[in-house]
Protein backbone atom coordinates (compact mmCIF):
# COMPACT_ATOMS: atom_id res chain seq x y z
CA MET A 1 -0.01 -0.05 -0.10
CA GLY A 2 2.96 2.24 0.85
CA GLN A 3 4.16 2.10 -2.95
CA ARG A 4 1.02 2.82 -4.39
CA ARG A 5 0.61 5.98 -2.35
CA ASN A 6 4.20 7.10 -3.66
CA SER A 7 3.25 6.19 -7.28
CA VAL A 8 0.30 8.64 -7.03
CA TYR A 9 2.29 11.34 -5.70
CA ASP A 10 4.82 10.93 -8.57
CA ARG A 11 2.29 11.15 -11.04
CA ARG A 12 0.92 14.19 -9.36
CA ASP A 13 4.51 15.71 -9.54
CA LEU A 14 4.77 14.83 -13.15
CA PHE A 15 1.30 16.60 -13.86
CA ILE A 16 2.47 19.72 -12.17
CA ALA A 17 5.87 19.83 -13.74
CA VAL A 18 3.97 19.45 -17.21
CA LEU A 19 1.55 22.22 -16.22
CA ARG A 20 4.24 24.50 -15.32
CA TYR A 21 6.33 23.87 -18.51
CA ILE A 22 3.37 24.40 -20.69
CA VAL A 23 2.45 27.76 -19.00
CA LEU A 24 6.09 28.72 -19.17
CA GLY A 25 6.03 27.89 -23.00
CA LEU A 26 2.79 30.08 -23.61
CA CYS A 27 4.45 32.93 -21.65
CA ALA A 28 7.75 32.55 -24.20
CA VAL A 29 5.58 32.40 -27.07
CA VAL A 30 3.26 35.24 -26.27
CA ALA A 31 6.46 37.29 -25.18
CA GLY A 32 7.89 36.35 -28.71
CA PHE A 33 4.92 37.25 -30.65
CA LEU A 34 4.72 40.85 -28.90
CA VAL A 35 8.40 41.50 -29.52
CA VAL A 36 7.89 40.31 -33.38
CA ARG A 37 4.75 42.45 -33.88
CA LYS A 38 6.41 45.54 -32.37
CA ARG A 39 9.52 45.12 -34.61
CA ARG A 40 7.23 44.50 -37.56
CA SER A 41 5.15 47.48 -36.71
CA VAL A 42 8.35 49.85 -36.69
CA SER A 43 9.67 48.28 -39.85
CA GLN A 44 6.26 49.19 -41.66
CA GLY A 45 6.41 52.53 -40.82
CA GLN A 46 3.92 52.60 -37.82
CA CYS A 47 4.35 54.30 -34.68
CA ILE A 48 4.52 52.30 -31.75
CA ASN A 49 4.39 54.90 -29.11
CA ARG A 50 1.28 56.78 -30.36
CA GLY A 51 3.36 59.71 -31.31
CA MET A 52 5.06 60.25 -28.10
CA CYS A 53 8.66 60.46 -28.97
CA GLY A 54 10.07 61.70 -25.92
CA GLY A 55 10.43 58.15 -24.14
CA CYS A 56 10.43 56.07 -26.88
CA GLU A 57 12.75 53.68 -27.31
CA VAL A 58 13.58 53.58 -30.97
CA PHE A 59 13.39 57.31 -31.30
CA GLU A 60 17.11 57.56 -32.31
CA ASP A 61 16.51 55.24 -35.39
CA CYS A 62 12.92 56.63 -36.22
CA ALA A 63 12.40 58.13 -39.42
CA LEU A 64 8.49 58.81 -39.17
CA PRO A 65 7.69 62.46 -39.50
CA PRO A 66 6.51 62.95 -35.81
CA ALA A 67 9.89 61.70 -34.79
CA LEU A 68 11.76 63.64 -37.36
CA SER A 69 9.82 67.07 -36.30
CA ALA A 70 10.88 66.09 -32.61
CA LYS A 71 14.34 65.83 -33.77
CA HIS A 72 14.45 69.05 -35.48
CA VAL A 73 13.25 70.83 -32.11
CA LEU A 74 15.42 68.99 -29.77
CA THR A 75 18.56 70.16 -32.10
CA ARG A 76 17.32 73.89 -32.52
CA THR A 77 16.72 74.36 -28.97
CA ARG A 78 20.40 72.66 -28.09
CA ASP A 79 21.55 75.35 -30.57
CA ASP A 80 19.75 78.05 -29.06
CA GLU A 81 21.04 77.32 -25.59
CA ARG A 82 24.77 77.38 -26.93
């Protein structure tokens, strides 16, 4: 009877481990999907930050009109400060 109880416990541990890795895999797939979608949007010329260029992570490389305008304003204000 003691052996049967251990085998049930082992199956339970296996089931929990499988569920844990399934959830981990799903989280990785969702994170990968979000990263790919964000990069695809940037390469297609879509703004990923809804036009708020100040804190955007791709601001330096962005060639969209709002970013170019913001860069122009920033360089103009830096020149005026000198």
